[in-house]
Structure formats: structure tokens, C-alpha cells
């Protein structure tokens, strides 16, 4: 049974940085796409960034140039480096792992709170 556990969230001032980590217990197939989603109060969960097995990265427009996703397949860990944080980045951030073509199981972490406020 695969579990995803996020860490690294917290309270940061606007313009600050945070690094989120997502560690998988159990084996995530290398073919799986790893991603970060976020959900702000009263809003739908949205994709923030994703990285596939070839290292191709995809970012949501609001975070382009500020966030960087990376992946350590040997450690079954994915990271999200967040710079120049804005109050609108405040949300619960969730880690996700899923098959790129829809087969197999999809996994979610429980989330980590990121609050950007002065």
C-alpha cells in the first residue's frame, strides 16, 4: 500500500520561500507522473505542477517562473520549491501520483498547509 506524506508547509511572509517535500512509502512505478495540487478555501483543487518519468515539467500559469518541481525517483520523493510567494498562494498543497495513461492506482497525500501572510 502506497502512502504519500507531505511536509514543509507553514507560514511565510509575501516574497518568501518554502520547499515542500512528498515522500512515498512503498514503490511508485517510475512511469507515474508526480504532481502537486492545491486547494484554497472555497475553491476547487487545482494542478500546480507535475513532472513525468522523463523529467518533463508542467506548471500552472500563476506559478510559472516562481515554483520549481523536482523528483528523486531513487528516493521516491518529489519536491516543490516555491519562491516569491504571494498571498494568493495560500492553500493546502497535496501530493499526487498517477499513471500517465489512466491505468493503475492513483495516490494522494493528506496535504500540507501553506499560508502566505504578513
PDB file of N, CA and C in Angstrom:
ATOM      1  N   UNK A   1       0.837  -1.180   0.000  1.00  0.00           N
ATOM      2  CA  UNK A   1       0.000   0.000   0.000  1.00  0.00           C
ATOM      3  C   UNK A   1       0.883   1.245   0.000  1.00  0.00           C
ATOM      4  N   UNK A   2       0.685   2.076  -0.991  1.00  0.00           N
ATOM      5  CA  UNK A   2       1.489   3.285  -1.121  1.00  0.00           C
ATOM      6  C   UNK A   2       0.844   4.420  -0.341  1.00  0.00           C
ATOM      7  N   UNK A   3       1.655   5.141   0.407  1.00  0.00           N
ATOM      8  CA  UNK A   3       1.195   6.350   1.074  1.00  0.00           C
ATOM      9  C   UNK A   3       2.107   7.499   0.707  1.00  0.00           C
ATOM     10  N   UNK A   4       1.509   8.663   0.495  1.00  0.00           N
ATOM     11  CA  UNK A   4       2.258   9.880   0.214  1.00  0.00           C
ATOM     12  C   UNK A   4       2.162  10.797   1.421  1.00  0.00           C
ATOM     13  N   UNK A   5       3.303  11.301   1.873  1.00  0.00           N
ATOM     14  CA  UNK A   5       3.323  12.168   3.047  1.00  0.00           C
ATOM     15  C   UNK A   5       4.029  13.469   2.693  1.00  0.00           C
ATOM     16  N   UNK A   6       3.271  14.564   2.798  1.00  0.00           N
ATOM     17  CA  UNK A   6       3.835  15.881   2.501  1.00  0.00           C
ATOM     18  C   UNK A   6       4.420  16.514   3.760  1.00  0.00           C
ATOM     19  N   UNK A   7       5.400  17.375   3.553  1.00  0.00           N
ATOM     20  CA  UNK A   7       5.979  18.147   4.646  1.00  0.00           C
ATOM     21  C   UNK A   7       6.533  19.443   4.088  1.00  0.00           C
ATOM     22  N   UNK A   8       6.817  20.386   4.987  1.00  0.00           N
ATOM     23  CA  UNK A   8       7.456  21.624   4.572  1.00  0.00           C
ATOM     24  C   UNK A   8       6.552  22.831   4.518  1.00  0.00           C
ATOM     25  N   UNK A   9       5.263  22.638   4.749  1.00  0.00           N
ATOM     26  CA  UNK A   9       4.352  23.779   4.746  1.00  0.00           C
ATOM     27  C   UNK A   9       4.553  24.655   5.965  1.00  0.00           C
ATOM     28  N   UNK A  10       3.880  25.794   5.959  1.00  0.00           N
ATOM     29  CA  UNK A  10       3.984  26.693   7.105  1.00  0.00           C
ATOM     30  C   UNK A  10       3.529  28.086   6.757  1.00  0.00           C
ATOM     31  N   UNK A  11       3.863  29.010   7.649  1.00  0.00           N
ATOM     32  CA  UNK A  11       3.524  30.419   7.479  1.00  0.00           C
ATOM     33  C   UNK A  11       4.758  31.168   6.982  1.00  0.00           C
ATOM     34  N   UNK A  12       4.578  31.943   5.928  1.00  0.00           N
ATOM     35  CA  UNK A  12       5.692  32.698   5.358  1.00  0.00           C
ATOM     36  C   UNK A  12       5.179  34.062   4.917  1.00  0.00           C
ATOM     37  N   UNK A  13       6.044  35.051   4.949  1.00  0.00           N
ATOM     38  CA  UNK A  13       5.664  36.391   4.509  1.00  0.00           C
ATOM     39  C   UNK A  13       5.671  36.484   2.991  1.00  0.00           C
ATOM     40  N   UNK A  14       4.890  37.387   2.448  1.00  0.00           N
ATOM     41  CA  UNK A  14       4.933  37.591   0.986  1.00  0.00           C
ATOM     42  C   UNK A  14       6.355  37.853   0.512  1.00  0.00           C
ATOM     43  N   UNK A  15       6.711  37.221  -0.590  1.00  0.00           N
ATOM     44  CA  UNK A  15       8.064  37.313  -1.121  1.00  0.00           C
ATOM     45  C   UNK A  15       8.998  36.246  -0.607  1.00  0.00           C
ATOM     46  N   UNK A  16       8.554  35.491   0.380  1.00  0.00           N
ATOM     47  CA  UNK A  16       9.390  34.448   0.957  1.00  0.00           C
ATOM     48  C   UNK A  16       9.361  33.151   0.157  1.00  0.00           C
ATOM     49  N   UNK A  17      10.035  32.152   0.705  1.00  0.00           N
ATOM     50  CA  UNK A  17      10.171  30.864   0.027  1.00  0.00           C
ATOM     51  C   UNK A  17       9.843  29.720   0.977  1.00  0.00           C
ATOM     52  N   UNK A  18       9.373  28.639   0.391  1.00  0.00           N
ATOM     53  CA  UNK A  18       9.179  27.382   1.095  1.00  0.00           C
ATOM     54  C   UNK A  18       9.531  26.246   0.152  1.00  0.00           C
ATOM     55  N   UNK A  19       9.958  25.142   0.734  1.00  0.00           N
ATOM     56  CA  UNK A  19      10.212  23.927  -0.047  1.00  0.00           C
ATOM     57  C   UNK A  19       9.359  22.797   0.518  1.00  0.00           C
ATOM     58  N   UNK A  20       8.458  22.305  -0.322  1.00  0.00           N
ATOM     59  CA  UNK A  20       7.621  21.186   0.061  1.00  0.00           C
ATOM     60  C   UNK A  20       8.269  19.878  -0.379  1.00  0.00           C
ATOM     61  N   UNK A  21       8.079  18.854   0.434  1.00  0.00           N
ATOM     62  CA  UNK A  21       8.560  17.524   0.092  1.00  0.00           C
ATOM     63  C   UNK A  21       7.403  16.543   0.176  1.00  0.00           C
ATOM     64  N   UNK A  22       7.469  15.534  -0.665  1.00  0.00           N
ATOM     65  CA  UNK A  22       6.469  14.468  -0.649  1.00  0.00           C
ATOM     66  C   UNK A  22       7.222  13.146  -0.723  1.00  0.00           C
ATOM     67  N   UNK A  23       7.133  12.391   0.343  1.00  0.00           N
ATOM     68  CA  UNK A  23       7.820  11.108   0.403  1.00  0.00           C
ATOM     69  C   UNK A  23       6.802   9.989   0.270  1.00  0.00           C
ATOM     70  N   UNK A  24       7.129   9.034  -0.573  1.00  0.00           N
ATOM     71  CA  UNK A  24       6.244   7.891  -0.782  1.00  0.00           C
ATOM     72  C   UNK A  24       6.766   6.690  -0.013  1.00  0.00           C
ATOM     73  N   UNK A  25       5.882   6.097   0.771  1.00  0.00           N
ATOM     74  CA  UNK A  25       6.222   4.823   1.396  1.00  0.00           C
ATOM     75  C   UNK A  25       5.652   3.738   0.506  1.00  0.00           C
ATOM     76  N   UNK A  26       6.487   2.841   0.093  1.00  0.00           N
ATOM     77  CA  UNK A  26       6.064   1.882  -0.916  1.00  0.00           C
ATOM     78  C   UNK A  26       6.561   2.316  -2.281  1.00  0.00           C
ATOM     79  N   UNK A  27       6.486   1.443  -3.214  1.00  0.00           N
ATOM     80  CA  UNK A  27       7.091   1.682  -4.519  1.00  0.00           C
ATOM     81  C   UNK A  27       6.131   2.385  -5.462  1.00  0.00           C
ATOM     82  N   UNK A  28       6.572   3.531  -5.974  1.00  0.00           N
ATOM     83  CA  UNK A  28       5.840   4.229  -7.018  1.00  0.00           C
ATOM     84  C   UNK A  28       6.487   3.852  -8.340  1.00  0.00           C
ATOM     85  N   UNK A  29       5.750   3.277  -9.275  1.00  0.00           N
ATOM     86  CA  UNK A  29       6.353   2.947 -10.566  1.00  0.00           C
ATOM     87  C   UNK A  29       6.964   4.181 -11.212  1.00  0.00           C
ATOM     88  N   UNK A  30       8.133   4.018 -11.803  1.00  0.00           N
ATOM     89  CA  UNK A  30       8.831   5.158 -12.399  1.00  0.00           C
ATOM     90  C   UNK A  30       8.002   5.861 -13.456  1.00  0.00           C
ATOM     91  N   UNK A  31       7.097   5.130 -14.112  1.00  0.00           N
ATOM     92  CA  UNK A  31       6.302   5.720 -15.191  1.00  0.00           C
ATOM     93  C   UNK A  31       5.282   6.733 -14.660  1.00  0.00           C
ATOM     94  N   UNK A  32       4.983   6.657 -13.368  1.00  0.00           N
ATOM     95  CA  UNK A  32       3.962   7.532 -12.810  1.00  0.00           C
ATOM     96  C   UNK A  32       4.364   8.997 -12.900  1.00  0.00           C
ATOM     97  N   UNK A  33       3.355   9.826 -13.142  1.00  0.00           N
ATOM     98  CA  UNK A  33       3.520  11.270 -13.070  1.00  0.00           C
ATOM     99  C   UNK A  33       3.332  11.703 -11.616  1.00  0.00           C
ATOM    100  N   UNK A  34       4.256  12.513 -11.124  1.00  0.00           N
ATOM    101  CA  UNK A  34       4.155  13.051  -9.763  1.00  0.00           C
ATOM    102  C   UNK A  34       3.756  14.515  -9.872  1.00  0.00           C
ATOM    103  N   UNK A  35       2.828  14.925  -9.022  1.00  0.00           N
ATOM    104  CA  UNK A  35       2.366  16.298  -9.125  1.00  0.00           C
ATOM    105  C   UNK A  35       2.008  16.905  -7.792  1.00  0.00           C
ATOM    106  N   UNK A  36       1.895  18.214  -7.802  1.00  0.00           N
ATOM    107  CA  UNK A  36       1.426  18.982  -6.670  1.00  0.00           C
ATOM    108  C   UNK A  36       0.149  19.709  -7.080  1.00  0.00           C
ATOM    109  N   UNK A  37      -0.853  19.599  -6.224  1.00  0.00           N
ATOM    110  CA  UNK A  37      -2.114  20.316  -6.397  1.00  0.00           C
ATOM    111  C   UNK A  37      -2.311  21.202  -5.180  1.00  0.00           C
ATOM    112  N   UNK A  38      -3.212  22.167  -5.296  1.00  0.00           N
ATOM    113  CA  UNK A  38      -3.545  22.985  -4.138  1.00  0.00           C
ATOM    114  C   UNK A  38      -5.032  23.297  -4.134  1.00  0.00           C
ATOM    115  N   UNK A  39      -5.524  23.545  -2.933  1.00  0.00           N
ATOM    116  CA  UNK A  39      -6.920  23.904  -2.778  1.00  0.00           C
ATOM    117  C   UNK A  39      -7.039  25.013  -1.742  1.00  0.00           C
ATOM    118  N   UNK A  40      -7.505  26.146  -2.206  1.00  0.00           N
ATOM    119  CA  UNK A  40      -7.739  27.285  -1.316  1.00  0.00           C
ATOM    120  C   UNK A  40      -9.180  27.223  -0.799  1.00  0.00           C
ATOM    121  N   UNK A  41      -9.461  27.867   0.326  1.00  0.00           N
ATOM    122  CA  UNK A  41     -10.828  27.836   0.874  1.00  0.00           C
ATOM    123  C   UNK A  41     -11.852  28.335  -0.136  1.00  0.00           C
ATOM    124  N   UNK A  42     -12.906  27.542  -0.327  1.00  0.00           N
ATOM    125  CA  UNK A  42     -13.975  27.923  -1.238  1.00  0.00           C
ATOM    126  C   UNK A  42     -13.672  27.718  -2.706  1.00  0.00           C
ATOM    127  N   UNK A  43     -12.513  27.129  -3.000  1.00  0.00           N
ATOM    128  CA  UNK A  43     -12.132  26.918  -4.407  1.00  0.00           C
ATOM    129  C   UNK A  43     -11.902  25.446  -4.680  1.00  0.00           C
ATOM    130  N   UNK A  44     -11.893  25.107  -5.965  1.00  0.00           N
ATOM    131  CA  UNK A  44     -11.631  23.734  -6.358  1.00  0.00           C
ATOM    132  C   UNK A  44     -10.138  23.438  -6.301  1.00  0.00           C
ATOM    133  N   UNK A  45      -9.838  22.173  -6.140  1.00  0.00           N
ATOM    134  CA  UNK A  45      -8.442  21.748  -6.173  1.00  0.00           C
ATOM    135  C   UNK A  45      -7.909  21.965  -7.592  1.00  0.00           C
ATOM    136  N   UNK A  46      -6.696  22.482  -7.692  1.00  0.00           N
ATOM    137  CA  UNK A  46      -6.110  22.774  -8.999  1.00  0.00           C
ATOM    138  C   UNK A  46      -4.675  22.259  -9.074  1.00  0.00           C
ATOM    139  N   UNK A  47      -4.279  21.935 -10.282  1.00  0.00           N
ATOM    140  CA  UNK A  47      -2.899  21.495 -10.511  1.00  0.00           C
ATOM    141  C   UNK A  47      -1.953  22.679 -10.371  1.00  0.00           C
ATOM    142  N   UNK A  48      -0.862  22.459  -9.663  1.00  0.00           N
ATOM    143  CA  UNK A  48       0.187  23.465  -9.527  1.00  0.00           C
ATOM    144  C   UNK A  48       1.350  23.129 -10.455  1.00  0.00           C
ATOM    145  N   UNK A  49       1.827  21.901 -10.357  1.00  0.00           N
ATOM    146  CA  UNK A  49       2.973  21.481 -11.162  1.00  0.00           C
ATOM    147  C   UNK A  49       3.003  19.965 -11.208  1.00  0.00           C
ATOM    148  N   UNK A  50       3.578  19.429 -12.280  1.00  0.00           N
ATOM    149  CA  UNK A  50       3.706  17.983 -12.430  1.00  0.00           C
ATOM    150  C   UNK A  50       4.998  17.679 -13.155  1.00  0.00           C
ATOM    151  N   UNK A  51       5.512  16.475 -12.906  1.00  0.00           N
ATOM    152  CA  UNK A  51       6.743  16.034 -13.559  1.00  0.00           C
ATOM    153  C   UNK A  51       6.592  14.573 -13.927  1.00  0.00           C
ATOM    154  N   UNK A  52       6.948  14.231 -15.170  1.00  0.00           N
ATOM    155  CA  UNK A  52       6.795  12.845 -15.592  1.00  0.00           C
ATOM    156  C   UNK A  52       8.104  12.093 -15.437  1.00  0.00           C
ATOM    157  N   UNK A  53       8.105  10.848 -15.890  1.00  0.00           N
ATOM    158  CA  UNK A  53       9.264   9.982 -15.692  1.00  0.00           C
ATOM    159  C   UNK A  53      10.471  10.423 -16.515  1.00  0.00           C
ATOM    160  N   UNK A  54      10.239  11.215 -17.547  1.00  0.00           N
ATOM    161  CA  UNK A  54      11.340  11.730 -18.362  1.00  0.00           C
ATOM    162  C   UNK A  54      11.845  13.082 -17.868  1.00  0.00           C
ATOM    163  N   UNK A  55      11.232  13.572 -16.805  1.00  0.00           N
ATOM    164  CA  UNK A  55      11.637  14.861 -16.259  1.00  0.00           C
ATOM    165  C   UNK A  55      10.941  16.040 -16.891  1.00  0.00           C
ATOM    166  N   UNK A  56       9.960  15.771 -17.753  1.00  0.00           N
ATOM    167  CA  UNK A  56       9.214  16.875 -18.353  1.00  0.00           C
ATOM    168  C   UNK A  56       8.312  17.491 -17.293  1.00  0.00           C
ATOM    169  N   UNK A  57       8.374  18.819 -17.186  1.00  0.00           N
ATOM    170  CA  UNK A  57       7.640  19.530 -16.157  1.00  0.00           C
ATOM    171  C   UNK A  57       6.532  20.379 -16.756  1.00  0.00           C
ATOM    172  N   UNK A  58       5.442  20.472 -16.016  1.00  0.00           N
ATOM    173  CA  UNK A  58       4.304  21.265 -16.434  1.00  0.00           C
ATOM    174  C   UNK A  58       3.884  22.135 -15.254  1.00  0.00           C
ATOM    175  N   UNK A  59       3.657  23.415 -15.511  1.00  0.00           N
ATOM    176  CA  UNK A  59       3.299  24.342 -14.445  1.00  0.00           C
ATOM    177  C   UNK A  59       2.007  25.091 -14.772  1.00  0.00           C
ATOM    178  N   UNK A  60       1.248  25.371 -13.732  1.00  0.00           N
ATOM    179  CA  UNK A  60       0.099  26.257 -13.892  1.00  0.00           C
ATOM    180  C   UNK A  60       0.611  27.675 -14.133  1.00  0.00           C
ATOM    181  N   UNK A  61      -0.115  28.429 -14.937  1.00  0.00           N
ATOM    182  CA  UNK A  61       0.338  29.778 -15.297  1.00  0.00           C
ATOM    183  C   UNK A  61       0.646  30.663 -14.090  1.00  0.00           C
ATOM    184  N   UNK A  62      -0.161  30.633 -13.030  1.00  0.00           N
ATOM    185  CA  UNK A  62       0.099  31.556 -11.900  1.00  0.00           C
ATOM    186  C   UNK A  62       1.423  31.307 -11.170  1.00  0.00           C
ATOM    187  N   UNK A  63       2.033  30.130 -11.353  1.00  0.00           N
ATOM    188  CA  UNK A  63       3.248  29.823 -10.606  1.00  0.00           C
ATOM    189  C   UNK A  63       4.479  29.751 -11.500  1.00  0.00           C
ATOM    190  N   UNK A  64       4.307  29.886 -12.795  1.00  0.00           N
ATOM    191  CA  UNK A  64       5.445  29.812 -13.708  1.00  0.00           C
ATOM    192  C   UNK A  64       6.484  30.874 -13.363  1.00  0.00           C
ATOM    193  N   UNK A  65       7.731  30.439 -13.319  1.00  0.00           N
ATOM    194  CA  UNK A  65       8.820  31.356 -13.003  1.00  0.00           C
ATOM    195  C   UNK A  65       9.058  31.524 -11.515  1.00  0.00           C
ATOM    196  N   UNK A  66       8.151  31.016 -10.690  1.00  0.00           N
ATOM    197  CA  UNK A  66       8.306  31.147  -9.236  1.00  0.00           C
ATOM    198  C   UNK A  66       8.476  29.789  -8.550  1.00  0.00           C
ATOM    199  N   UNK A  67       7.808  28.759  -9.063  1.00  0.00           N
ATOM    200  CA  UNK A  67       7.845  27.428  -8.458  1.00  0.00           C
ATOM    201  C   UNK A  67       8.653  26.490  -9.343  1.00  0.00           C
ATOM    202  N   UNK A  68       9.330  25.533  -8.699  1.00  0.00           N
ATOM    203  CA  UNK A  68      10.082  24.516  -9.420  1.00  0.00           C
ATOM    204  C   UNK A  68       9.796  23.152  -8.814  1.00  0.00           C
ATOM    205  N   UNK A  69       9.386  22.228  -9.667  1.00  0.00           N
ATOM    206  CA  UNK A  69       9.146  20.856  -9.215  1.00  0.00           C
ATOM    207  C   UNK A  69      10.348  20.005  -9.582  1.00  0.00           C
ATOM    208  N   UNK A  70      10.682  19.075  -8.709  1.00  0.00           N
ATOM    209  CA  UNK A  70      11.774  18.151  -8.989  1.00  0.00           C
ATOM    210  C   UNK A  70      11.429  16.796  -8.390  1.00  0.00           C
ATOM    211  N   UNK A  71      12.183  15.811  -8.839  1.00  0.00           N
ATOM    212  CA  UNK A  71      11.835  14.439  -8.475  1.00  0.00           C
ATOM    213  C   UNK A  71      13.097  13.631  -8.249  1.00  0.00           C
ATOM    214  N   UNK A  72      13.118  12.849  -7.191  1.00  0.00           N
ATOM    215  CA  UNK A  72      14.197  11.917  -6.902  1.00  0.00           C
ATOM    216  C   UNK A  72      13.573  10.528  -6.911  1.00  0.00           C
ATOM    217  N   UNK A  73      13.642   9.873  -8.058  1.00  0.00           N
ATOM    218  CA  UNK A  73      12.968   8.583  -8.197  1.00  0.00           C
ATOM    219  C   UNK A  73      13.583   7.523  -7.300  1.00  0.00           C
ATOM    220  N   UNK A  74      14.897   7.602  -7.094  1.00  0.00           N
ATOM    221  CA  UNK A  74      15.560   6.612  -6.251  1.00  0.00           C
ATOM    222  C   UNK A  74      15.037   6.672  -4.821  1.00  0.00           C
ATOM    223  N   UNK A  75      14.637   7.881  -4.373  1.00  0.00           N
ATOM    224  CA  UNK A  75      14.127   8.055  -3.017  1.00  0.00           C
ATOM    225  C   UNK A  75      12.617   8.142  -2.980  1.00  0.00           C
ATOM    226  N   UNK A  76      11.983   7.968  -4.151  1.00  0.00           N
ATOM    227  CA  UNK A  76      10.518   8.070  -4.204  1.00  0.00           C
ATOM    228  C   UNK A  76      10.026   9.369  -3.582  1.00  0.00           C
ATOM    229  N   UNK A  77      10.684  10.452  -3.927  1.00  0.00           N
ATOM    230  CA  UNK A  77      10.359  11.749  -3.329  1.00  0.00           C
ATOM    231  C   UNK A  77      10.216  12.796  -4.427  1.00  0.00           C
ATOM    232  N   UNK A  78       9.259  13.691  -4.234  1.00  0.00           N
ATOM    233  CA  UNK A  78       9.090  14.812  -5.146  1.00  0.00           C
ATOM    234  C   UNK A  78       9.079  16.096  -4.310  1.00  0.00           C
ATOM    235  N   UNK A  79       9.629  17.153  -4.879  1.00  0.00           N
ATOM    236  CA  UNK A  79       9.776  18.416  -4.177  1.00  0.00           C
ATOM    237  C   UNK A  79       9.078  19.542  -4.940  1.00  0.00           C
ATOM    238  N   UNK A  80       8.727  20.564  -4.213  1.00  0.00           N
ATOM    239  CA  UNK A  80       8.210  21.783  -4.827  1.00  0.00           C
ATOM    240  C   UNK A  80       8.884  22.974  -4.156  1.00  0.00           C
ATOM    241  N   UNK A  81       9.780  23.602  -4.883  1.00  0.00           N
ATOM    242  CA  UNK A  81      10.436  24.809  -4.403  1.00  0.00           C
ATOM    243  C   UNK A  81       9.572  26.001  -4.784  1.00  0.00           C
ATOM    244  N   UNK A  82       9.154  26.758  -3.791  1.00  0.00           N
ATOM    245  CA  UNK A  82       8.256  27.880  -4.027  1.00  0.00           C
ATOM    246  C   UNK A  82       8.955  29.174  -3.617  1.00  0.00           C
ATOM    247  N   UNK A  83       9.168  30.046  -4.579  1.00  0.00           N
ATOM    248  CA  UNK A  83       9.814  31.326  -4.338  1.00  0.00           C
ATOM    249  C   UNK A  83       8.851  32.471  -4.645  1.00  0.00           C
ATOM    250  N   UNK A  84       9.193  33.635  -4.167  1.00  0.00           N
ATOM    251  CA  UNK A  84       8.381  34.840  -4.414  1.00  0.00           C
ATOM    252  C   UNK A  84       6.908  34.578  -4.118  1.00  0.00           C
ATOM    253  N   UNK A  85       6.659  34.014  -2.968  1.00  0.00           N
ATOM    254  CA  UNK A  85       5.297  33.621  -2.617  1.00  0.00           C
ATOM    255  C   UNK A  85       4.378  34.827  -2.471  1.00  0.00           C
ATOM    256  N   UNK A  86       3.135  34.624  -2.868  1.00  0.00           N
ATOM    257  CA  UNK A  86       2.101  35.646  -2.841  1.00  0.00           C
ATOM    258  C   UNK A  86       0.970  35.213  -1.917  1.00  0.00           C
ATOM    259  N   UNK A  87       0.213  36.154  -1.383  1.00  0.00           N
ATOM    260  CA  UNK A  87      -0.930  35.758  -0.534  1.00  0.00           C
ATOM    261  C   UNK A  87      -1.884  34.806  -1.243  1.00  0.00           C
ATOM    262  N   UNK A  88      -2.020  34.941  -2.547  1.00  0.00           N
ATOM    263  CA  UNK A  88      -2.918  34.059  -3.291  1.00  0.00           C
ATOM    264  C   UNK A  88      -2.388  32.644  -3.452  1.00  0.00           C
ATOM    265  N   UNK A  89      -1.163  32.402  -3.011  1.00  0.00           N
ATOM    266  CA  UNK A  89      -0.629  31.037  -2.990  1.00  0.00           C
ATOM    267  C   UNK A  89      -1.083  30.278  -1.745  1.00  0.00           C
ATOM    268  N   UNK A  90      -1.751  30.961  -0.837  1.00  0.00           N
ATOM    269  CA  UNK A  90      -2.236  30.319   0.373  1.00  0.00           C
ATOM    270  C   UNK A  90      -3.239  29.233   0.035  1.00  0.00           C
ATOM    271  N   UNK A  91      -2.956  28.022   0.513  1.00  0.00           N
ATOM    272  CA  UNK A  91      -3.800  26.866   0.206  1.00  0.00           C
ATOM    273  C   UNK A  91      -3.251  25.643   0.932  1.00  0.00           C
ATOM    274  N   UNK A  92      -4.021  24.579   0.871  1.00  0.00           N
ATOM    275  CA  UNK A  92      -3.495  23.265   1.268  1.00  0.00           C
ATOM    276  C   UNK A  92      -2.898  22.636   0.006  1.00  0.00           C
ATOM    277  N   UNK A  93      -1.673  22.207   0.112  1.00  0.00           N
ATOM    278  CA  UNK A  93      -0.960  21.619  -1.020  1.00  0.00           C
ATOM    279  C   UNK A  93      -0.930  20.109  -0.881  1.00  0.00           C
ATOM    280  N   UNK A  94      -1.320  19.431  -1.961  1.00  0.00           N
ATOM    281  CA  UNK A  94      -1.434  17.985  -1.963  1.00  0.00           C
ATOM    282  C   UNK A  94      -0.462  17.376  -2.979  1.00  0.00           C
ATOM    283  N   UNK A  95       0.118  16.274  -2.587  1.00  0.00           N
ATOM    284  CA  UNK A  95       0.970  15.494  -3.478  1.00  0.00           C
ATOM    285  C   UNK A  95       0.113  14.431  -4.170  1.00  0.00           C
ATOM    286  N   UNK A  96       0.450  14.155  -5.420  1.00  0.00           N
ATOM    287  CA  UNK A  96      -0.323  13.191  -6.213  1.00  0.00           C
ATOM    288  C   UNK A  96       0.602  12.333  -7.050  1.00  0.00           C
ATOM    289  N   UNK A  97       0.236  11.082  -7.220  1.00  0.00           N
ATOM    290  CA  UNK A  97       0.963  10.180  -8.106  1.00  0.00           C
ATOM    291  C   UNK A  97      -0.056   9.407  -8.925  1.00  0.00           C
ATOM    292  N   UNK A  98       0.114   9.412 -10.224  1.00  0.00           N
ATOM    293  CA  UNK A  98      -0.835   8.694 -11.066  1.00  0.00           C
ATOM    294  C   UNK A  98      -0.183   8.233 -12.355  1.00  0.00           C
ATOM    295  N   UNK A  99      -0.795   7.194 -12.929  1.00  0.00           N
ATOM    296  CA  UNK A  99      -0.321   6.644 -14.194  1.00  0.00           C
ATOM    297  C   UNK A  99      -0.582   7.680 -15.295  1.00  0.00           C
ATOM    298  N   UNK A 100       0.344   7.885 -16.197  1.00  0.00           N
ATOM    299  CA  UNK A 100       0.158   8.904 -17.234  1.00  0.00           C
ATOM    300  C   UNK A 100      -0.967   8.610 -18.212  1.00  0.00           C
ATOM    301  N   UNK A 101      -1.361   7.341 -18.328  1.00  0.00           N
ATOM    302  CA  UNK A 101      -2.409   6.992 -19.282  1.00  0.00           C
ATOM    303  C   UNK A 101      -3.688   6.522 -18.604  1.00  0.00           C
ATOM    304  N   UNK A 102      -3.781   6.751 -17.312  1.00  0.00           N
ATOM    305  CA  UNK A 102      -5.031   6.477 -16.613  1.00  0.00           C
ATOM    306  C   UNK A 102      -5.159   5.097 -16.019  1.00  0.00           C
ATOM    307  N   UNK A 103      -4.211   4.213 -16.257  1.00  0.00           N
ATOM    308  CA  UNK A 103      -4.306   2.887 -15.684  1.00  0.00           C
ATOM    309  C   UNK A 103      -3.726   2.827 -14.287  1.00  0.00           C
ATOM    310  N   UNK A 104      -3.963   1.760 -13.579  1.00  0.00           N
ATOM    311  CA  UNK A 104      -3.381   1.598 -12.255  1.00  0.00           C
ATOM    312  C   UNK A 104      -4.027   2.491 -11.214  1.00  0.00           C
ATOM    313  N   UNK A 105      -3.430   2.526 -10.038  1.00  0.00           N
ATOM    314  CA  UNK A 105      -3.978   3.293  -8.920  1.00  0.00           C
ATOM    315  C   UNK A 105      -3.482   4.728  -8.938  1.00  0.00           C
ATOM    316  N   UNK A 106      -4.264   5.603  -8.354  1.00  0.00           N
ATOM    317  CA  UNK A 106      -3.879   6.998  -8.165  1.00  0.00           C
ATOM    318  C   UNK A 106      -3.770   7.238  -6.661  1.00  0.00           C
ATOM    319  N   UNK A 107      -2.748   7.979  -6.282  1.00  0.00           N
ATOM    320  CA  UNK A 107      -2.477   8.188  -4.868  1.00  0.00           C
ATOM    321  C   UNK A 107      -2.468   9.681  -4.527  1.00  0.00           C
ATOM    322  N   UNK A 108      -2.971   9.990  -3.329  1.00  0.00           N
ATOM    323  CA  UNK A 108      -2.989  11.356  -2.817  1.00  0.00           C
ATOM    324  C   UNK A 108      -2.408  11.391  -1.404  1.00  0.00           C
ATOM    325  N   UNK A 109      -1.702  12.453  -1.102  1.00  0.00           N
ATOM    326  CA  UNK A 109      -1.307  12.716   0.265  1.00  0.00           C
ATOM    327  C   UNK A 109      -2.431  13.435   0.996  1.00  0.00           C
ATOM    328  N   UNK A 110      -2.219  13.673   2.291  1.00  0.00           N
ATOM    329  CA  UNK A 110      -3.244  14.337   3.100  1.00  0.00           C
ATOM    330  C   UNK A 110      -3.127  15.848   3.052  1.00  0.00           C
ATOM    331  N   UNK A 111      -2.055  16.353   2.517  1.00  0.00           N
ATOM    332  CA  UNK A 111      -1.923  17.789   2.352  1.00  0.00           C
ATOM    333  C   UNK A 111      -1.098  18.468   3.423  1.00  0.00           C
ATOM    334  N   UNK A 112      -0.542  19.608   3.047  1.00  0.00           N
ATOM    335  CA  UNK A 112       0.202  20.443   3.973  1.00  0.00           C
ATOM    336  C   UNK A 112      -0.211  21.898   3.747  1.00  0.00           C
ATOM    337  N   UNK A 113      -0.444  22.613   4.830  1.00  0.00           N
ATOM    338  CA  UNK A 113      -0.949  23.979   4.737  1.00  0.00           C
ATOM    339  C   UNK A 113       0.188  24.952   4.446  1.00  0.00           C
ATOM    340  N   UNK A 114      -0.044  25.805   3.460  1.00  0.00           N
ATOM    341  CA  UNK A 114       0.866  26.907   3.159  1.00  0.00           C
ATOM    342  C   UNK A 114       0.077  28.200   3.322  1.00  0.00           C
ATOM    343  N   UNK A 115       0.569  29.073   4.180  1.00  0.00           N
ATOM    344  CA  UNK A 115      -0.083  30.355   4.419  1.00  0.00           C
ATOM    345  C   UNK A 115       0.915  31.465   4.155  1.00  0.00           C
ATOM    346  N   UNK A 116       0.540  32.363   3.254  1.00  0.00           N
ATOM    347  CA  UNK A 116       1.402  33.493   2.910  1.00  0.00           C
ATOM    348  C   UNK A 116       0.715  34.757   3.420  1.00  0.00           C
ATOM    349  N   UNK A 117       1.312  35.340   4.433  1.00  0.00           N
ATOM    350  CA  UNK A 117       0.685  36.495   5.072  1.00  0.00           C
ATOM    351  C   UNK A 117       1.726  37.297   5.827  1.00  0.00           C
ATOM    352  N   UNK A 118       1.501  38.607   5.867  1.00  0.00           N
ATOM    353  CA  UNK A 118       2.382  39.464   6.657  1.00  0.00           C
ATOM    354  C   UNK A 118       1.817  39.657   8.064  1.00  0.00           C
TER     355      UNK A 118
END
